[in-house]
Amino acid sequence: MTDVQKPGRLMIDRATKPHMPRYLKLRHDAGRDRWVLLAPERILTPDNTAVAVLQLCDGERTVDDIAVKLASEYSAPADVIASDVVDLLQDLADKGYIKG
């Protein structure tokens, strides 16, 4: 069985340059000492891994660039991190929280 791309669906790969749409804001809530992703009528609380990835989603870096940066910070293999980043960003893109 092959994956069929839905019309208009962003498919994240290692060359994608992900960014958050303007209507999303990643902010640190100092009162609760946690990161929040503010969306219209919604507040999400990403885990530390998602925060580390989202902070690097600037529309300039590719997924590979993000993986290399995180690999150097966490002393982990870039290929493993790239795979995890693709999975995370694909899930967020499917929900409309990431653009490419």
N, C-alpha and C. Protein backbone atom coordinates (compact mmCIF):
# COMPACT_ATOMS: atom_id res chain seq x y z
N MET A 1 0.85 -1.17 0.00
CA MET A 1 0.00 0.00 0.00
C MET A 1 0.90 1.24 0.00
N THR A 2 0.55 2.24 -0.77
CA THR A 2 1.34 3.46 -0.86
C THR A 2 0.61 4.58 -0.13
N ASP A 3 1.41 5.53 0.35
CA ASP A 3 0.82 6.72 0.97
C ASP A 3 0.30 7.62 -0.13
N VAL A 4 -0.92 8.05 0.02
CA VAL A 4 -1.53 8.97 -0.94
C VAL A 4 -1.63 10.32 -0.26
N GLN A 5 -1.04 11.32 -0.88
CA GLN A 5 -1.08 12.66 -0.31
C GLN A 5 -2.44 13.27 -0.55
N LYS A 6 -3.05 13.78 0.52
CA LYS A 6 -4.32 14.47 0.40
C LYS A 6 -4.07 15.85 -0.20
N PRO A 7 -4.99 16.34 -1.04
CA PRO A 7 -4.81 17.69 -1.59
C PRO A 7 -4.65 18.71 -0.47
N GLY A 8 -3.65 19.55 -0.58
CA GLY A 8 -3.43 20.60 0.39
C GLY A 8 -2.72 20.16 1.66
N ARG A 9 -2.45 18.88 1.79
CA ARG A 9 -1.77 18.39 3.00
C ARG A 9 -0.27 18.60 2.85
N LEU A 10 0.33 19.22 3.85
CA LEU A 10 1.78 19.42 3.87
C LEU A 10 2.43 18.12 4.29
N MET A 11 3.34 17.62 3.48
CA MET A 11 4.10 16.42 3.81
C MET A 11 5.49 16.87 4.26
N ILE A 12 5.79 16.62 5.51
CA ILE A 12 7.08 17.01 6.09
C ILE A 12 8.14 15.99 5.68
N ASP A 13 9.26 16.48 5.19
CA ASP A 13 10.41 15.61 4.95
C ASP A 13 11.65 16.35 5.43
N ARG A 14 12.79 15.76 5.23
CA ARG A 14 14.01 16.32 5.80
C ARG A 14 14.44 17.63 5.14
N ALA A 15 13.88 17.95 3.98
CA ALA A 15 14.21 19.20 3.29
C ALA A 15 13.21 20.32 3.59
N THR A 16 12.13 20.00 4.28
CA THR A 16 11.11 21.00 4.61
C THR A 16 11.71 22.07 5.52
N LYS A 17 11.31 23.31 5.28
CA LYS A 17 11.71 24.44 6.14
C LYS A 17 10.48 24.85 6.94
N PRO A 18 10.27 24.19 8.08
CA PRO A 18 9.03 24.43 8.83
C PRO A 18 9.01 25.77 9.57
N HIS A 19 7.81 26.29 9.71
CA HIS A 19 7.60 27.49 10.52
C HIS A 19 6.18 27.47 11.08
N MET A 20 5.98 28.21 12.15
CA MET A 20 4.65 28.33 12.72
C MET A 20 3.92 29.48 12.04
N PRO A 21 2.63 29.31 11.78
CA PRO A 21 1.87 30.42 11.22
C PRO A 21 1.84 31.60 12.20
N ARG A 22 1.56 32.77 11.68
CA ARG A 22 1.56 33.99 12.50
C ARG A 22 0.59 33.92 13.67
N TYR A 23 -0.49 33.20 13.51
CA TYR A 23 -1.49 33.17 14.56
C TYR A 23 -1.10 32.29 15.75
N LEU A 24 0.03 31.58 15.66
CA LEU A 24 0.52 30.78 16.78
C LEU A 24 1.68 31.49 17.47
N LYS A 25 1.70 31.40 18.77
CA LYS A 25 2.79 32.01 19.55
C LYS A 25 3.28 30.99 20.57
N LEU A 26 4.59 30.77 20.57
CA LEU A 26 5.21 29.93 21.59
C LEU A 26 5.73 30.86 22.68
N ARG A 27 5.21 30.69 23.88
CA ARG A 27 5.55 31.58 24.98
C ARG A 27 5.86 30.77 26.24
N HIS A 28 6.74 31.32 27.05
CA HIS A 28 7.01 30.70 28.35
C HIS A 28 6.09 31.35 29.38
N ASP A 29 5.32 30.53 30.06
CA ASP A 29 4.43 31.00 31.13
C ASP A 29 5.23 30.96 32.42
N ALA A 30 5.77 32.10 32.81
CA ALA A 30 6.65 32.16 33.98
C ALA A 30 5.90 31.78 35.26
N GLY A 31 4.65 32.13 35.36
CA GLY A 31 3.87 31.82 36.56
C GLY A 31 3.72 30.33 36.80
N ARG A 32 3.62 29.59 35.72
CA ARG A 32 3.48 28.13 35.82
C ARG A 32 4.77 27.39 35.46
N ASP A 33 5.79 28.15 35.05
CA ASP A 33 7.08 27.61 34.65
C ASP A 33 6.93 26.50 33.61
N ARG A 34 6.21 26.84 32.54
CA ARG A 34 6.04 25.89 31.43
C ARG A 34 5.84 26.67 30.13
N TRP A 35 6.12 25.99 29.04
CA TRP A 35 5.92 26.58 27.73
C TRP A 35 4.49 26.31 27.28
N VAL A 36 3.92 27.28 26.57
CA VAL A 36 2.59 27.12 26.00
C VAL A 36 2.62 27.56 24.54
N LEU A 37 1.80 26.93 23.76
CA LEU A 37 1.61 27.29 22.36
C LEU A 37 0.22 27.90 22.28
N LEU A 38 0.17 29.21 22.03
CA LEU A 38 -1.10 29.93 21.99
C LEU A 38 -1.65 29.94 20.58
N ALA A 39 -2.85 29.42 20.44
CA ALA A 39 -3.55 29.39 19.16
C ALA A 39 -4.92 30.05 19.39
N PRO A 40 -5.58 30.47 18.33
CA PRO A 40 -6.90 31.06 18.52
C PRO A 40 -7.82 30.11 19.30
N GLU A 41 -8.32 30.60 20.43
CA GLU A 41 -9.25 29.86 21.28
C GLU A 41 -8.70 28.53 21.79
N ARG A 42 -7.38 28.43 21.88
CA ARG A 42 -6.77 27.18 22.30
C ARG A 42 -5.40 27.45 22.91
N ILE A 43 -5.07 26.70 23.94
CA ILE A 43 -3.73 26.75 24.52
C ILE A 43 -3.21 25.32 24.59
N LEU A 44 -2.05 25.10 24.01
CA LEU A 44 -1.43 23.78 24.03
C LEU A 44 -0.21 23.83 24.94
N THR A 45 0.10 22.74 25.58
CA THR A 45 1.29 22.67 26.44
C THR A 45 2.24 21.62 25.88
N PRO A 46 3.12 22.02 24.98
CA PRO A 46 4.07 21.08 24.37
C PRO A 46 5.08 20.58 25.40
N ASP A 47 5.56 19.35 25.20
CA ASP A 47 6.59 18.84 26.09
C ASP A 47 7.93 19.47 25.72
N ASN A 48 8.96 19.18 26.50
CA ASN A 48 10.27 19.81 26.31
C ASN A 48 10.86 19.51 24.94
N THR A 49 10.64 18.31 24.44
CA THR A 49 11.15 17.94 23.11
C THR A 49 10.49 18.80 22.04
N ALA A 50 9.17 18.91 22.11
CA ALA A 50 8.45 19.72 21.12
C ALA A 50 8.87 21.18 21.19
N VAL A 51 9.10 21.70 22.39
CA VAL A 51 9.54 23.08 22.55
C VAL A 51 10.89 23.28 21.88
N ALA A 52 11.82 22.34 22.10
CA ALA A 52 13.15 22.45 21.50
C ALA A 52 13.06 22.48 19.98
N VAL A 53 12.17 21.68 19.41
CA VAL A 53 11.99 21.66 17.96
C VAL A 53 11.30 22.93 17.49
N LEU A 54 10.22 23.32 18.13
CA LEU A 54 9.46 24.50 17.71
C LEU A 54 10.29 25.78 17.77
N GLN A 55 11.18 25.88 18.73
CA GLN A 55 12.03 27.06 18.82
C GLN A 55 12.96 27.19 17.62
N LEU A 56 13.20 26.10 16.92
CA LEU A 56 14.09 26.12 15.75
C LEU A 56 13.33 26.20 14.43
N CYS A 57 12.01 26.18 14.48
CA CYS A 57 11.19 26.24 13.27
C CYS A 57 11.00 27.70 12.86
N ASP A 58 11.97 28.20 12.10
CA ASP A 58 11.96 29.61 11.73
C ASP A 58 11.71 29.85 10.25
N GLY A 59 11.48 28.78 9.49
CA GLY A 59 11.27 28.92 8.05
C GLY A 59 12.56 29.03 7.27
N GLU A 60 13.67 29.11 7.95
CA GLU A 60 14.99 29.18 7.31
C GLU A 60 15.71 27.83 7.40
N ARG A 61 15.60 27.18 8.55
CA ARG A 61 16.26 25.90 8.76
C ARG A 61 15.42 24.76 8.18
N THR A 62 16.11 23.78 7.61
CA THR A 62 15.43 22.57 7.17
C THR A 62 15.29 21.63 8.36
N VAL A 63 14.50 20.58 8.19
CA VAL A 63 14.39 19.56 9.23
C VAL A 63 15.77 18.97 9.51
N ASP A 64 16.56 18.74 8.46
CA ASP A 64 17.93 18.24 8.66
C ASP A 64 18.76 19.21 9.49
N ASP A 65 18.65 20.51 9.23
CA ASP A 65 19.38 21.51 10.02
C ASP A 65 18.96 21.44 11.49
N ILE A 66 17.67 21.31 11.72
CA ILE A 66 17.16 21.22 13.08
C ILE A 66 17.71 19.98 13.77
N ALA A 67 17.71 18.86 13.05
CA ALA A 67 18.20 17.59 13.61
C ALA A 67 19.69 17.68 13.97
N VAL A 68 20.48 18.30 13.10
CA VAL A 68 21.92 18.44 13.37
C VAL A 68 22.13 19.30 14.61
N LYS A 69 21.39 20.39 14.72
CA LYS A 69 21.51 21.27 15.89
C LYS A 69 21.14 20.53 17.17
N LEU A 70 20.02 19.82 17.15
CA LEU A 70 19.59 19.09 18.34
C LEU A 70 20.55 17.94 18.65
N ALA A 71 21.08 17.29 17.62
CA ALA A 71 22.03 16.19 17.83
C ALA A 71 23.27 16.68 18.56
N SER A 72 23.74 17.87 18.20
CA SER A 72 24.92 18.41 18.87
C SER A 72 24.62 18.79 20.32
N GLU A 73 23.41 19.29 20.57
CA GLU A 73 23.03 19.68 21.93
C GLU A 73 22.79 18.49 22.84
N TYR A 74 22.24 17.41 22.28
CA TYR A 74 21.85 16.27 23.09
C TYR A 74 22.72 15.03 22.89
N SER A 75 23.80 15.16 22.14
CA SER A 75 24.72 14.05 21.88
C SER A 75 23.98 12.79 21.44
N ALA A 76 23.18 12.94 20.41
CA ALA A 76 22.40 11.83 19.86
C ALA A 76 22.61 11.80 18.35
N PRO A 77 22.37 10.63 17.72
CA PRO A 77 22.55 10.53 16.27
C PRO A 77 21.55 11.41 15.50
N ALA A 78 22.05 12.20 14.58
CA ALA A 78 21.20 13.13 13.80
C ALA A 78 20.13 12.40 13.01
N ASP A 79 20.43 11.20 12.49
CA ASP A 79 19.42 10.46 11.72
C ASP A 79 18.22 10.06 12.58
N VAL A 80 18.51 9.65 13.80
CA VAL A 80 17.42 9.27 14.72
C VAL A 80 16.60 10.50 15.07
N ILE A 81 17.28 11.59 15.38
CA ILE A 81 16.58 12.83 15.72
C ILE A 81 15.77 13.32 14.53
N ALA A 82 16.33 13.26 13.32
CA ALA A 82 15.61 13.73 12.12
C ALA A 82 14.31 12.95 11.95
N SER A 83 14.35 11.66 12.15
CA SER A 83 13.15 10.84 12.03
C SER A 83 12.10 11.26 13.06
N ASP A 84 12.54 11.48 14.29
CA ASP A 84 11.62 11.92 15.34
C ASP A 84 11.05 13.31 15.05
N VAL A 85 11.90 14.20 14.54
CA VAL A 85 11.46 15.55 14.21
C VAL A 85 10.42 15.51 13.08
N VAL A 86 10.67 14.70 12.06
CA VAL A 86 9.70 14.57 10.96
C VAL A 86 8.35 14.09 11.51
N ASP A 87 8.37 13.07 12.37
CA ASP A 87 7.12 12.55 12.94
C ASP A 87 6.39 13.61 13.74
N LEU A 88 7.11 14.33 14.60
CA LEU A 88 6.51 15.38 15.42
C LEU A 88 5.92 16.48 14.55
N LEU A 89 6.70 16.96 13.59
CA LEU A 89 6.24 18.07 12.75
C LEU A 89 5.10 17.64 11.82
N GLN A 90 5.11 16.38 11.37
CA GLN A 90 4.00 15.92 10.52
C GLN A 90 2.70 15.94 11.32
N ASP A 91 2.78 15.48 12.56
CA ASP A 91 1.59 15.50 13.42
C ASP A 91 1.09 16.93 13.62
N LEU A 92 2.01 17.85 13.89
CA LEU A 92 1.62 19.26 14.07
C LEU A 92 1.12 19.88 12.77
N ALA A 93 1.72 19.51 11.65
CA ALA A 93 1.28 20.05 10.35
C ALA A 93 -0.12 19.55 10.02
N ASP A 94 -0.39 18.29 10.33
CA ASP A 94 -1.73 17.73 10.08
C ASP A 94 -2.81 18.45 10.88
N LYS A 95 -2.41 19.04 12.01
CA LYS A 95 -3.34 19.78 12.86
C LYS A 95 -3.36 21.27 12.53
N GLY A 96 -2.52 21.70 11.58
CA GLY A 96 -2.50 23.09 11.15
C GLY A 96 -1.56 23.98 11.94
N TYR A 97 -0.70 23.39 12.77
CA TYR A 97 0.18 24.18 13.61
C TYR A 97 1.56 24.43 13.00
N ILE A 98 1.86 23.78 11.89
CA ILE A 98 3.15 23.96 11.21
C ILE A 98 2.88 24.16 9.73
N LYS A 99 3.61 25.09 9.16
CA LYS A 99 3.58 25.33 7.71
C LYS A 99 4.97 25.04 7.17
N GLY A 100 5.07 24.86 5.87
CA GLY A 100 6.38 24.54 5.28
C GLY A 100 6.72 25.40 4.12
